[in-house]
Amino acid sequence: MPMTAGEIEALLRAAFPDAKIAIEDLAGDNDHFAANIVSEAFRGVPRVRQHQMVYSALQGRMGGALHALALQTSAPD
């Protein structure tokens, strides 16, 4: 069963409570999303590790309930 943008945001907000999070349903099918996450937790962390942190926050749903997620992560300016 696909995830909604709200479900994705809730999981991310639990892991990154300070974050500014924007979720976009790219195809209108609850299966292909883009996420822009800005969190202090990413400061000084290499981009690959940032993305691993996001995948961890999604608790194994990538590739299952969540088919595709384009990520943009950064620390605040």
C-alpha atoms as a PDB file:
ATOM      1  CA  MET A   1       0.000   0.000   0.000  1.00  0.00           C
ATOM      2  CA  PRO A   2       1.498   3.376  -1.006  1.00  0.00           C
ATOM      3  CA  MET A   3       2.393   6.041   1.541  1.00  0.00           C
ATOM      4  CA  THR A   4       0.937   9.521   1.620  1.00  0.00           C
ATOM      5  CA  ALA A   5       3.001  12.695   1.772  1.00  0.00           C
ATOM      6  CA  GLY A   6       1.684  13.196   5.315  1.00  0.00           C
ATOM      7  CA  GLU A   7       2.943   9.790   6.430  1.00  0.00           C
ATOM      8  CA  ILE A   8       6.386  10.480   4.965  1.00  0.00           C
ATOM      9  CA  GLU A   9       6.524  13.886   6.633  1.00  0.00           C
ATOM     10  CA  ALA A  10       5.486  12.417  10.004  1.00  0.00           C
ATOM     11  CA  LEU A  11       8.330   9.879   9.920  1.00  0.00           C
ATOM     12  CA  LEU A  12      10.833  12.545   8.898  1.00  0.00           C
ATOM     13  CA  ARG A  13       9.584  15.015  11.508  1.00  0.00           C
ATOM     14  CA  ALA A  14       9.986  12.357  14.227  1.00  0.00           C
ATOM     15  CA  ALA A  15      13.638  11.887  13.223  1.00  0.00           C
ATOM     16  CA  PHE A  16      14.395  15.554  12.469  1.00  0.00           C
ATOM     17  CA  PRO A  17      12.120  17.639  14.743  1.00  0.00           C
ATOM     18  CA  ASP A  18      13.867  20.921  13.877  1.00  0.00           C
ATOM     19  CA  ALA A  19      13.622  20.372  10.128  1.00  0.00           C
ATOM     20  CA  LYS A  20      11.923  22.366   7.438  1.00  0.00           C
ATOM     21  CA  ILE A  21      10.358  19.646   5.301  1.00  0.00           C
ATOM     22  CA  ALA A  22       8.660  19.919   1.918  1.00  0.00           C
ATOM     23  CA  ILE A  23       7.190  16.811   0.287  1.00  0.00           C
ATOM     24  CA  GLU A  24       5.964  16.798  -3.314  1.00  0.00           C
ATOM     25  CA  ASP A  25       4.035  13.976  -5.014  1.00  0.00           C
ATOM     26  CA  LEU A  26       5.791  14.031  -8.389  1.00  0.00           C
ATOM     27  CA  ALA A  27       3.322  11.887 -10.340  1.00  0.00           C
ATOM     28  CA  GLY A  28       0.114  12.234  -8.326  1.00  0.00           C
ATOM     29  CA  ASP A  29       0.195   8.507  -7.581  1.00  0.00           C
ATOM     30  CA  ASN A  30       1.427   8.398  -3.944  1.00  0.00           C
ATOM     31  CA  ASP A  31       4.380   6.403  -5.253  1.00  0.00           C
ATOM     32  CA  HIS A  32       6.933   8.935  -6.555  1.00  0.00           C
ATOM     33  CA  PHE A  33       7.898  11.741  -4.190  1.00  0.00           C
ATOM     34  CA  ALA A  34      10.512  14.453  -3.807  1.00  0.00           C
ATOM     35  CA  ALA A  35      11.576  15.634  -0.361  1.00  0.00           C
ATOM     36  CA  ASN A  36      13.500  18.756   0.581  1.00  0.00           C
ATOM     37  CA  ILE A  37      14.750  18.501   4.168  1.00  0.00           C
ATOM     38  CA  VAL A  38      16.715  21.250   5.906  1.00  0.00           C
ATOM     39  CA  SER A  39      17.954  20.247   9.357  1.00  0.00           C
ATOM     40  CA  GLU A  40      20.768  21.159  11.706  1.00  0.00           C
ATOM     41  CA  ALA A  41      21.358  17.389  12.013  1.00  0.00           C
ATOM     42  CA  PHE A  42      22.943  17.493   8.545  1.00  0.00           C
ATOM     43  CA  ARG A  43      25.568  20.135   9.388  1.00  0.00           C
ATOM     44  CA  GLY A  44      29.044  18.825   8.594  1.00  0.00           C
ATOM     45  CA  VAL A  45      27.666  15.456   7.453  1.00  0.00           C
ATOM     46  CA  PRO A  46      28.521  14.220   3.931  1.00  0.00           C
ATOM     47  CA  ARG A  47      25.543  14.113   1.555  1.00  0.00           C
ATOM     48  CA  VAL A  48      25.612  10.307   1.250  1.00  0.00           C
ATOM     49  CA  ARG A  49      25.365   9.995   5.040  1.00  0.00           C
ATOM     50  CA  GLN A  50      22.568  12.603   5.113  1.00  0.00           C
ATOM     51  CA  HIS A  51      20.565  10.455   2.703  1.00  0.00           C
ATOM     52  CA  GLN A  52      21.288   7.352   4.774  1.00  0.00           C
ATOM     53  CA  MET A  53      19.910   9.201   7.790  1.00  0.00           C
ATOM     54  CA  VAL A  54      16.703   9.930   5.875  1.00  0.00           C
ATOM     55  CA  TYR A  55      16.362   6.314   4.721  1.00  0.00           C
ATOM     56  CA  SER A  56      16.811   5.209   8.332  1.00  0.00           C
ATOM     57  CA  ALA A  57      14.070   7.624   9.416  1.00  0.00           C
ATOM     58  CA  LEU A  58      11.729   5.969   6.891  1.00  0.00           C
ATOM     59  CA  GLN A  59      12.070   2.713   8.848  1.00  0.00           C
ATOM     60  CA  GLY A  60      12.552   0.308   5.953  1.00  0.00           C
ATOM     61  CA  ARG A  61       9.688   1.605   3.816  1.00  0.00           C
ATOM     62  CA  MET A  62      11.934   2.587   0.877  1.00  0.00           C
ATOM     63  CA  GLY A  63      11.491   0.115  -1.955  1.00  0.00           C
ATOM     64  CA  GLY A  64       8.267  -1.183  -0.429  1.00  0.00           C
ATOM     65  CA  ALA A  65       5.466   1.174   0.591  1.00  0.00           C
ATOM     66  CA  LEU A  66       7.552   4.024  -0.796  1.00  0.00           C
ATOM     67  CA  HIS A  67       8.704   3.292  -4.324  1.00  0.00           C
ATOM     68  CA  ALA A  68      10.742   6.399  -5.203  1.00  0.00           C
ATOM     69  CA  LEU A  69      11.974   9.394  -3.233  1.00  0.00           C
ATOM     70  CA  ALA A  70      14.174  12.112  -4.730  1.00  0.00           C
ATOM     71  CA  LEU A  71      16.080  13.703  -1.864  1.00  0.00           C
ATOM     72  CA  GLN A  72      17.512  17.140  -1.345  1.00  0.00           C
ATOM     73  CA  THR A  73      19.074  17.535   2.102  1.00  0.00           C
ATOM     74  CA  SER A  74      21.020  20.375   3.681  1.00  0.00           C
ATOM     75  CA  ALA A  75      21.817  22.207   6.898  1.00  0.00           C
ATOM     76  CA  PRO A  76      20.279  25.657   7.447  1.00  0.00           C
ATOM     77  CA  ASP A  77      22.194  28.648   6.079  1.00  0.00           C
END
